[in-house]
Amino acid sequence: HDAPGITDERKLRFDACLRVASEFRTESNIGCQFFPGRTFAFTTCVGNALSIPPAYRTMVQRIKSDKTLVLQGVPTFEFYRTNEIAPDFLISHTEIGIPVLRNPSRLNTKVTNR
């Protein structure tokens, strides 16, 4: 999660996530966290870091206006799709996920255009 070429090589950190069969313990700097299965609303944000908060606000507005969904709020996820940092452009592709529930009372509601 540090930008190569900008951050000193000795201070580079990287976050990664992978699925494992069960929880484990280790003496190293590797952690294990359980995330229960959920439904998420996702969007892709393309821009610099300042574009991420407005993307969240837009997502929340869209989720709240979709009567088939109920906003859950946390934990949210961000997946950074950029595999090469371009400091001159400061542009990245970020997948943002916000947990939601399906609103069972509205799933079979007929939608009409006005």
C-alpha atoms as a PDB file:
ATOM      1  CA  HIS A   1       0.000   0.000   0.000  1.00  0.00           C
ATOM      2  CA  ASP A   2       3.017   2.261  -0.408  1.00  0.00           C
ATOM      3  CA  ALA A   3       4.012   3.672  -3.766  1.00  0.00           C
ATOM      4  CA  PRO A   4       7.199   2.133  -5.173  1.00  0.00           C
ATOM      5  CA  GLY A   5       9.500   4.840  -6.491  1.00  0.00           C
ATOM      6  CA  ILE A   6       8.107   7.330  -3.971  1.00  0.00           C
ATOM      7  CA  THR A   7       8.513   5.455  -0.670  1.00  0.00           C
ATOM      8  CA  ASP A   8      11.962   4.424   0.502  1.00  0.00           C
ATOM      9  CA  GLU A   9      12.514   0.769  -0.476  1.00  0.00           C
ATOM     10  CA  ARG A  10      13.179  -0.220   3.162  1.00  0.00           C
ATOM     11  CA  LYS A  11       9.791   1.208   4.219  1.00  0.00           C
ATOM     12  CA  LEU A  12       7.570  -0.347   1.546  1.00  0.00           C
ATOM     13  CA  ARG A  13       4.486  -2.105   2.901  1.00  0.00           C
ATOM     14  CA  PHE A  14       1.972  -4.178   1.020  1.00  0.00           C
ATOM     15  CA  ASP A  15      -1.492  -5.392   1.992  1.00  0.00           C
ATOM     16  CA  ALA A  16      -2.811  -8.539   0.407  1.00  0.00           C
ATOM     17  CA  CYS A  17      -5.784 -10.739   1.089  1.00  0.00           C
ATOM     18  CA  LEU A  18      -6.327 -14.377   0.292  1.00  0.00           C
ATOM     19  CA  ARG A  19      -8.768 -17.041   1.313  1.00  0.00           C
ATOM     20  CA  VAL A  20      -7.515 -19.777   3.649  1.00  0.00           C
ATOM     21  CA  ALA A  21      -9.227 -22.947   4.878  1.00  0.00           C
ATOM     22  CA  SER A  22      -9.309 -21.918   8.547  1.00  0.00           C
ATOM     23  CA  GLU A  23      -7.979 -19.405  11.041  1.00  0.00           C
ATOM     24  CA  PHE A  24      -4.311 -19.688  11.919  1.00  0.00           C
ATOM     25  CA  ARG A  25      -1.805 -18.150  14.318  1.00  0.00           C
ATOM     26  CA  THR A  26       1.739 -17.058  13.489  1.00  0.00           C
ATOM     27  CA  GLU A  27       4.640 -15.254  15.135  1.00  0.00           C
ATOM     28  CA  SER A  28       5.275 -13.143  12.026  1.00  0.00           C
ATOM     29  CA  ASN A  29       3.513  -9.966  10.856  1.00  0.00           C
ATOM     30  CA  ILE A  30       0.787 -11.945   9.114  1.00  0.00           C
ATOM     31  CA  GLY A  31      -2.735 -11.543  10.424  1.00  0.00           C
ATOM     32  CA  CYS A  32      -5.900 -13.548  10.002  1.00  0.00           C
ATOM     33  CA  GLN A  33      -9.332 -11.937  10.075  1.00  0.00           C
ATOM     34  CA  PHE A  34     -12.717 -13.566   9.512  1.00  0.00           C
ATOM     35  CA  PHE A  35     -15.238 -11.839   7.231  1.00  0.00           C
ATOM     36  CA  PRO A  36     -18.670 -13.467   7.159  1.00  0.00           C
ATOM     37  CA  GLY A  37     -20.366 -13.901   3.798  1.00  0.00           C
ATOM     38  CA  ARG A  38     -22.365 -10.836   2.838  1.00  0.00           C
ATOM     39  CA  THR A  39     -23.840  -8.988  -0.089  1.00  0.00           C
ATOM     40  CA  PHE A  40     -21.997  -5.869  -1.210  1.00  0.00           C
ATOM     41  CA  ALA A  41     -22.821  -3.014  -3.558  1.00  0.00           C
ATOM     42  CA  PHE A  42     -19.713  -2.210  -5.625  1.00  0.00           C
ATOM     43  CA  THR A  43     -18.589   0.655  -7.799  1.00  0.00           C
ATOM     44  CA  THR A  44     -15.339   1.570  -9.520  1.00  0.00           C
ATOM     45  CA  CYS A  45     -13.793   4.925  -8.691  1.00  0.00           C
ATOM     46  CA  VAL A  46     -11.284   6.220 -11.240  1.00  0.00           C
ATOM     47  CA  GLY A  47      -9.317   9.236 -10.092  1.00  0.00           C
ATOM     48  CA  ASN A  48      -6.969  10.438  -7.406  1.00  0.00           C
ATOM     49  CA  ALA A  49      -7.325   9.896  -3.653  1.00  0.00           C
ATOM     50  CA  LEU A  50      -9.541  12.983  -3.347  1.00  0.00           C
ATOM     51  CA  SER A  51     -12.161  11.346  -5.588  1.00  0.00           C
ATOM     52  CA  ILE A  52     -12.793   8.445  -3.165  1.00  0.00           C
ATOM     53  CA  PRO A  53     -14.879  10.279  -0.484  1.00  0.00           C
ATOM     54  CA  PRO A  54     -17.304  11.690  -3.102  1.00  0.00           C
ATOM     55  CA  ALA A  55     -17.580   8.183  -4.588  1.00  0.00           C
ATOM     56  CA  TYR A  56     -18.673   6.859  -1.185  1.00  0.00           C
ATOM     57  CA  ARG A  57     -21.259   9.652  -0.855  1.00  0.00           C
ATOM     58  CA  THR A  58     -22.643   8.862  -4.322  1.00  0.00           C
ATOM     59  CA  MET A  59     -22.812   5.151  -3.503  1.00  0.00           C
ATOM     60  CA  VAL A  60     -24.699   5.782  -0.258  1.00  0.00           C
ATOM     61  CA  GLN A  61     -27.191   8.024  -2.078  1.00  0.00           C
ATOM     62  CA  ARG A  62     -27.733   5.385  -4.773  1.00  0.00           C
ATOM     63  CA  ILE A  63     -28.142   2.562  -2.255  1.00  0.00           C
ATOM     64  CA  LYS A  64     -30.643   4.588  -0.216  1.00  0.00           C
ATOM     65  CA  SER A  65     -32.650   5.410  -3.340  1.00  0.00           C
ATOM     66  CA  ASP A  66     -32.808   1.722  -4.373  1.00  0.00           C
ATOM     67  CA  LYS A  67     -35.742   0.413  -2.334  1.00  0.00           C
ATOM     68  CA  THR A  68     -34.663  -3.199  -2.924  1.00  0.00           C
ATOM     69  CA  LEU A  69     -31.525  -2.617  -0.819  1.00  0.00           C
ATOM     70  CA  VAL A  70     -30.889  -1.768   2.826  1.00  0.00           C
ATOM     71  CA  LEU A  71     -27.597  -0.025   3.641  1.00  0.00           C
ATOM     72  CA  GLN A  72     -25.513  -1.834   6.263  1.00  0.00           C
ATOM     73  CA  GLY A  73     -22.541   0.568   6.339  1.00  0.00           C
ATOM     74  CA  VAL A  74     -19.522  -1.377   7.612  1.00  0.00           C
ATOM     75  CA  PRO A  75     -17.150  -3.021   6.978  1.00  0.00           C
ATOM     76  CA  THR A  76     -16.480  -1.373   3.643  1.00  0.00           C
ATOM     77  CA  PHE A  77     -13.793  -2.627   1.288  1.00  0.00           C
ATOM     78  CA  GLU A  78     -11.465  -0.924  -1.132  1.00  0.00           C
ATOM     79  CA  PHE A  79      -9.598  -2.906  -3.772  1.00  0.00           C
ATOM     80  CA  TYR A  80      -6.906  -0.999  -5.619  1.00  0.00           C
ATOM     81  CA  ARG A  81      -6.659  -2.215  -9.211  1.00  0.00           C
ATOM     82  CA  THR A  82      -3.617  -0.138 -10.142  1.00  0.00           C
ATOM     83  CA  ASN A  83      -0.548  -2.324 -10.302  1.00  0.00           C
ATOM     84  CA  GLU A  84       1.787   0.435 -11.430  1.00  0.00           C
ATOM     85  CA  ILE A  85       1.988   3.764  -9.675  1.00  0.00           C
ATOM     86  CA  ALA A  86       2.197   6.776 -11.989  1.00  0.00           C
ATOM     87  CA  PRO A  87       3.044   9.676  -9.636  1.00  0.00           C
ATOM     88  CA  ASP A  88       2.758  12.205 -12.463  1.00  0.00           C
ATOM     89  CA  PHE A  89      -0.915  11.327 -13.028  1.00  0.00           C
ATOM     90  CA  LEU A  90      -2.062  10.322  -9.513  1.00  0.00           C
ATOM     91  CA  ILE A  91      -4.839   8.246 -11.086  1.00  0.00           C
ATOM     92  CA  SER A  92      -5.935   4.870  -9.782  1.00  0.00           C
ATOM     93  CA  HIS A  93      -8.826   2.450 -10.176  1.00  0.00           C
ATOM     94  CA  THR A  94     -10.416   1.654  -6.823  1.00  0.00           C
ATOM     95  CA  GLU A  95     -13.214  -0.862  -6.368  1.00  0.00           C
ATOM     96  CA  ILE A  96     -15.382   0.213  -3.423  1.00  0.00           C
ATOM     97  CA  GLY A  97     -17.712  -2.229  -1.696  1.00  0.00           C
ATOM     98  CA  ILE A  98     -20.386  -1.321   0.859  1.00  0.00           C
ATOM     99  CA  PRO A  99     -22.386  -4.073   2.606  1.00  0.00           C
ATOM    100  CA  VAL A 100     -26.112  -4.174   1.883  1.00  0.00           C
ATOM    101  CA  LEU A 101     -29.078  -6.410   2.582  1.00  0.00           C
ATOM    102  CA  ARG A 102     -31.761  -7.300   0.095  1.00  0.00           C
ATOM    103  CA  ASN A 103     -35.085  -5.821   1.195  1.00  0.00           C
ATOM    104  CA  PRO A 104     -37.359  -8.871   0.947  1.00  0.00           C
ATOM    105  CA  SER A 105     -40.526  -6.777   1.073  1.00  0.00           C
ATOM    106  CA  ARG A 106     -39.482  -4.896  -2.077  1.00  0.00           C
ATOM    107  CA  LEU A 107     -37.850  -7.595  -4.213  1.00  0.00           C
ATOM    108  CA  ASN A 108     -41.019  -8.540  -6.089  1.00  0.00           C
ATOM    109  CA  THR A 109     -42.361  -5.006  -6.420  1.00  0.00           C
ATOM    110  CA  LYS A 110     -43.319  -4.164  -9.992  1.00  0.00           C
ATOM    111  CA  VAL A 111     -41.397  -1.154 -11.317  1.00  0.00           C
ATOM    112  CA  THR A 112     -43.314   1.250 -13.542  1.00  0.00           C
ATOM    113  CA  ASN A 113     -41.967   4.083 -15.625  1.00  0.00           C
ATOM    114  CA  ARG A 114     -43.643   7.445 -15.268  1.00  0.00           C
END
